[in-house]
């Protein structure tokens, strides 16, 4: 399931996979289903599994400062890929991306920095113990089949921020001269646009609430209805998409009730 798509791998060096459309409601203990290199949301783990009599659902540690990511810079992305990612971020903030290609017309590459990053996560050991003790909800018929086919993942960590810093460069590596009032007019009032304190060439796009932009997950393995093992998702192998069944999402169709996705 290896993938070199830069839109999926630009967070790989930080140990996280990409949330394609950053959202405020992405959190640990979400159930995901794999389709190609896309992971789509199914719902909460607590609705799929019933706790056993010994181990409770793991506690989520929330809003932990992610010092190893805050202020760090992604590798440079081509203008097209970088602008597409930026458009998704602005769209998630409730803004418009129309006209951004003109505002950044001299750019050849774009990199991202993430300010004031917070992390939510659960301990994989605690998750492993909960899964061992829990039972599949008898009313989760389709998800039970997905579990048996090893197509289900659970989010174990999320990184989020209000501020996305964009550093656009020309073909010779110099900073792109952009006009902040012009960009503010383009994206609209839901997005606050400014410059980084350390550099006037870096544009800061800020939302009202923190948006999750990266995640970690574990693949679950089941046999005969019982949990047997987990395997952490390698960063950059798959991106988190919209909820399953959302517009533009595809469904997996096979002749067999089970399908193994590798």
Protein backbone atom coordinates (compact mmCIF):
# COMPACT_ATOMS: atom_id res chain seq x y z
CA UNK A 1 0.00 0.00 0.00
CA UNK A 2 2.99 2.29 -0.49
CA UNK A 3 2.27 5.76 -1.88
CA UNK A 4 4.54 8.59 -3.05
CA UNK A 5 1.75 11.10 -3.76
CA UNK A 6 3.08 14.36 -2.23
CA UNK A 7 -0.46 15.38 -1.26
CA UNK A 8 -0.47 12.30 1.01
CA UNK A 9 3.13 12.32 2.22
CA UNK A 10 3.94 15.92 3.16
CA UNK A 11 3.39 15.12 6.86
CA UNK A 12 5.30 11.84 6.73
CA UNK A 13 8.46 13.28 8.31
CA UNK A 14 6.36 14.31 11.33
CA UNK A 15 5.00 10.77 11.74
CA UNK A 16 1.44 11.60 10.63
CA UNK A 17 -0.83 10.93 7.68
CA UNK A 18 -2.85 13.66 5.98
CA UNK A 19 -6.44 14.70 6.66
CA UNK A 20 -7.41 15.66 3.12
CA UNK A 21 -10.04 18.15 4.27
CA UNK A 22 -9.06 19.48 7.71
CA UNK A 23 -11.95 19.39 10.17
CA UNK A 24 -12.67 20.25 13.78
CA UNK A 25 -14.38 16.93 14.55
CA UNK A 26 -11.55 14.53 13.71
CA UNK A 27 -10.46 12.84 16.94
CA UNK A 28 -8.98 9.60 18.28
CA UNK A 29 -11.11 6.44 18.40
CA UNK A 30 -12.83 7.01 15.07
CA UNK A 31 -13.48 3.91 12.97
CA UNK A 32 -12.20 4.15 9.39
CA UNK A 33 -12.52 1.90 6.37
CA UNK A 34 -9.80 1.56 3.73
CA UNK A 35 -10.56 1.96 0.03
CA UNK A 36 -7.39 2.12 -2.07
CA UNK A 37 -5.30 4.89 -0.52
CA UNK A 38 -8.30 6.56 1.07
CA UNK A 39 -9.59 6.10 4.58
CA UNK A 40 -13.21 7.11 5.13
CA UNK A 41 -15.01 7.61 8.43
CA UNK A 42 -17.61 5.12 9.59
CA UNK A 43 -18.29 6.38 13.11
CA UNK A 44 -17.09 6.05 16.69
CA UNK A 45 -15.41 2.95 18.06
CA UNK A 46 -17.84 2.91 20.98
CA UNK A 47 -20.76 2.35 18.59
CA UNK A 48 -19.08 -0.63 16.90
CA UNK A 49 -17.70 -2.42 19.96
CA UNK A 50 -19.28 -3.14 23.30
CA UNK A 51 -16.92 -2.87 26.30
CA UNK A 52 -16.17 -6.10 28.12
CA UNK A 53 -16.42 -6.43 31.86
CA UNK A 54 -12.81 -5.48 32.63
CA UNK A 55 -11.30 -2.81 30.36
CA UNK A 56 -13.00 0.52 29.67
CA UNK A 57 -12.69 2.59 26.50
CA UNK A 58 -9.23 4.27 26.50
CA UNK A 59 -9.00 7.83 27.78
CA UNK A 60 -8.17 10.42 25.14
CA UNK A 61 -5.43 12.88 26.10
CA UNK A 62 -6.50 16.21 24.65
CA UNK A 63 -4.82 19.47 23.65
CA UNK A 64 -1.26 18.39 24.39
CA UNK A 65 1.23 20.91 22.87
CA UNK A 66 3.03 19.19 19.99
CA UNK A 67 6.40 20.86 20.37
CA UNK A 68 8.04 18.54 17.82
CA UNK A 69 5.71 19.81 15.08
CA UNK A 70 4.92 23.42 16.02
CA UNK A 71 7.01 25.76 13.87
CA UNK A 72 8.29 22.93 11.68
CA UNK A 73 8.27 23.23 7.90
CA UNK A 74 7.08 20.64 5.40
CA UNK A 75 9.19 19.85 2.37
CA UNK A 76 8.57 22.06 -0.63
CA UNK A 77 5.64 21.01 -2.80
CA UNK A 78 5.00 21.89 -6.41
CA UNK A 79 2.77 24.92 -6.90
CA UNK A 80 -0.19 22.84 -8.10
CA UNK A 81 -0.08 20.37 -5.21
CA UNK A 82 0.57 23.07 -2.62
CA UNK A 83 -2.24 25.29 -3.90
CA UNK A 84 -4.65 22.33 -3.86
CA UNK A 85 -3.80 21.59 -0.21
CA UNK A 86 -4.11 25.28 0.68
CA UNK A 87 -7.50 25.41 -1.05
CA UNK A 88 -8.72 22.48 1.06
CA UNK A 89 -7.52 24.20 4.24
CA UNK A 90 -9.22 27.48 3.35
CA UNK A 91 -12.39 25.64 2.37
CA UNK A 92 -12.38 23.88 5.74
CA UNK A 93 -12.15 27.29 7.40
CA UNK A 94 -15.25 28.41 5.56
CA UNK A 95 -13.41 30.56 3.05
CA UNK A 96 -13.16 30.72 -0.73
CA UNK A 97 -10.14 29.56 -2.74
CA UNK A 98 -11.24 31.24 -5.97
CA UNK A 99 -8.54 33.53 -7.30
CA UNK A 100 -5.70 32.19 -5.17
CA UNK A 101 -3.90 30.96 -8.29
CA UNK A 102 -3.72 34.57 -9.48
CA UNK A 103 -2.59 35.87 -6.08
CA UNK A 104 0.26 33.33 -6.12
CA UNK A 105 0.87 33.49 -9.88
CA UNK A 106 4.66 33.86 -9.49
CA UNK A 107 5.03 30.88 -7.16
CA UNK A 108 6.69 27.65 -8.27
CA UNK A 109 6.72 25.88 -4.90
CA UNK A 110 4.83 26.05 -1.61
CA UNK A 111 5.70 24.75 1.85
CA UNK A 112 3.64 24.69 5.03
CA UNK A 113 4.43 25.53 8.63
CA UNK A 114 2.14 24.71 11.52
CA UNK A 115 1.90 27.07 14.51
CA UNK A 116 0.55 26.36 18.00
CA UNK A 117 -0.04 22.69 17.19
CA UNK A 118 -2.03 20.60 19.67
CA UNK A 119 -2.29 16.81 19.78
CA UNK A 120 -5.04 14.45 20.92
CA UNK A 121 -4.09 10.81 21.34
CA UNK A 122 -4.67 7.50 23.07
CA UNK A 123 -2.14 4.91 24.22
CA UNK A 124 -1.99 1.98 21.81
CA UNK A 125 -1.40 -0.38 24.74
CA UNK A 126 -4.67 0.75 26.35
CA UNK A 127 -6.43 0.42 22.99
CA UNK A 128 -5.05 -3.09 22.56
CA UNK A 129 -6.35 -4.11 25.98
CA UNK A 130 -9.79 -2.63 25.32
CA UNK A 131 -10.07 -4.41 21.97
CA UNK A 132 -9.07 -7.72 23.54
CA UNK A 133 -11.81 -7.41 26.15
CA UNK A 134 -14.54 -5.91 23.93
CA UNK A 135 -17.13 -7.63 21.72
CA UNK A 136 -18.40 -6.57 18.32
CA UNK A 137 -21.85 -4.99 18.56
CA UNK A 138 -24.27 -7.65 17.23
CA UNK A 139 -26.15 -4.95 15.32
CA UNK A 140 -23.01 -3.86 13.40
CA UNK A 141 -23.45 -6.41 10.62
CA UNK A 142 -21.56 -4.70 7.80
CA UNK A 143 -18.77 -3.44 10.05
CA UNK A 144 -18.36 -6.98 11.37
CA UNK A 145 -17.66 -8.11 7.82
CA UNK A 146 -15.18 -5.29 7.32
CA UNK A 147 -13.41 -6.29 10.54
CA UNK A 148 -13.06 -9.86 9.32
CA UNK A 149 -11.57 -8.59 6.05
CA UNK A 150 -8.98 -6.48 7.96
CA UNK A 151 -10.26 -3.31 6.28
CA UNK A 152 -10.95 -1.36 9.49
CA UNK A 153 -8.64 1.17 11.14
CA UNK A 154 -8.99 3.21 14.32
CA UNK A 155 -7.52 6.68 14.79
CA UNK A 156 -5.05 6.79 17.66
CA UNK A 157 -3.71 10.32 17.31
CA UNK A 158 -4.63 13.67 15.78
CA UNK A 159 -2.76 16.96 15.35
CA UNK A 160 -4.64 20.23 14.97
CA UNK A 161 -4.06 23.97 14.73
CA UNK A 162 -5.80 27.24 14.01
CA UNK A 163 -2.84 28.66 12.08
CA UNK A 164 -1.45 27.42 8.78
CA UNK A 165 1.61 29.33 7.56
CA UNK A 166 2.32 29.34 3.81
CA UNK A 167 5.76 30.03 2.38
CA UNK A 168 5.60 30.41 -1.41
CA UNK A 169 8.77 30.60 -3.51
CA UNK A 170 9.63 31.56 -7.08
CA UNK A 171 11.68 29.36 -9.42
CA UNK A 172 14.93 30.92 -8.15
CA UNK A 173 14.01 30.31 -4.50
CA UNK A 174 13.10 33.86 -3.53
CA UNK A 175 9.95 34.63 -1.59
CA UNK A 176 6.80 35.45 -3.53
CA UNK A 177 5.50 38.97 -3.02
CA UNK A 178 1.81 38.62 -2.13
CA UNK A 179 -0.70 41.27 -1.10
CA UNK A 180 -2.40 40.48 2.20
CA UNK A 181 -5.47 42.73 1.62
CA UNK A 182 -6.00 41.10 -1.79
CA UNK A 183 -5.86 37.59 -0.32
CA UNK A 184 -8.15 38.57 2.57
CA UNK A 185 -10.74 39.83 0.08
CA UNK A 186 -10.46 36.61 -1.90
CA UNK A 187 -10.89 34.17 1.00
CA UNK A 188 -13.56 36.14 2.87
CA UNK A 189 -14.19 37.08 6.46
CA UNK A 190 -14.29 33.57 7.92
CA UNK A 191 -10.51 33.29 7.49
CA UNK A 192 -8.10 35.68 9.15
CA UNK A 193 -5.11 36.45 6.92
CA UNK A 194 -1.86 38.00 8.12
CA UNK A 195 1.90 37.62 8.05
CA UNK A 196 4.22 35.67 10.28
CA UNK A 197 5.99 37.76 12.88
CA UNK A 198 9.37 36.46 11.75
CA UNK A 199 8.89 37.04 8.03
CA UNK A 200 6.63 39.32 6.01
CA UNK A 201 6.77 36.84 3.12
CA UNK A 202 5.01 34.07 5.08
CA UNK A 203 1.22 34.26 4.97
CA UNK A 204 -0.77 33.03 7.97
CA UNK A 205 -4.27 31.66 7.42
CA UNK A 206 -6.15 31.39 10.73
CA UNK A 207 -9.48 29.76 11.52
CA UNK A 208 -11.81 30.37 14.45
CA UNK A 209 -11.32 26.84 15.85
CA UNK A 210 -8.48 24.29 15.65
CA UNK A 211 -8.68 22.04 12.60
CA UNK A 212 -7.25 18.52 12.56
CA UNK A 213 -4.84 18.22 9.62
CA UNK A 214 -2.91 15.06 10.48
CA UNK A 215 -3.70 11.71 12.07
CA UNK A 216 -2.28 8.37 13.16
CA UNK A 217 -4.24 5.12 12.99
CA UNK A 218 -3.95 1.40 13.61
CA UNK A 219 -5.25 -1.41 11.42
CA UNK A 220 -7.32 -3.98 13.29
CA UNK A 221 -7.14 -7.72 12.67
CA UNK A 222 -10.08 -9.98 13.56
CA UNK A 223 -10.65 -13.70 13.20
CA UNK A 224 -13.94 -15.47 13.91
CA UNK A 225 -15.33 -12.32 15.45
CA UNK A 226 -12.47 -11.82 17.91
CA UNK A 227 -9.72 -9.24 17.89
CA UNK A 228 -6.23 -10.72 17.36
CA UNK A 229 -3.79 -7.88 16.62
CA UNK A 230 -3.22 -4.32 15.42
CA UNK A 231 -0.68 -2.74 13.09
CA UNK A 232 0.06 1.02 13.03
CA UNK A 233 -0.62 2.71 9.71
CA UNK A 234 2.62 3.83 8.09
CA UNK A 235 2.54 7.64 7.71
CA UNK A 236 1.74 8.78 4.19
CA UNK A 237 0.22 5.51 2.97
CA UNK A 238 -3.38 6.74 3.01
CA UNK A 239 -5.26 10.00 3.51
CA UNK A 240 -8.39 10.56 5.57
CA UNK A 241 -11.31 11.57 3.36
CA UNK A 242 -14.87 12.65 4.07
CA UNK A 243 -17.33 10.40 5.87
CA UNK A 244 -18.19 7.22 4.00
CA UNK A 245 -21.15 7.86 1.76
CA UNK A 246 -20.39 11.56 1.45
CA UNK A 247 -20.53 13.16 -1.95
CA UNK A 248 -17.69 11.91 -4.12
CA UNK A 249 -16.99 8.85 -1.99
CA UNK A 250 -16.88 5.45 -3.68
CA UNK A 251 -18.10 2.15 -2.30
CA UNK A 252 -16.25 -1.11 -2.42
CA UNK A 253 -18.10 -3.79 -4.36
CA UNK A 254 -17.08 -7.46 -4.48
CA UNK A 255 -18.73 -10.78 -5.22
CA UNK A 256 -17.65 -12.11 -1.84
CA UNK A 257 -18.85 -10.83 1.56
CA UNK A 258 -15.19 -10.38 2.52
CA UNK A 259 -12.37 -8.58 0.72
CA UNK A 260 -8.81 -8.23 1.96
CA UNK A 261 -7.28 -4.84 1.15
CA UNK A 262 -3.47 -4.77 1.08
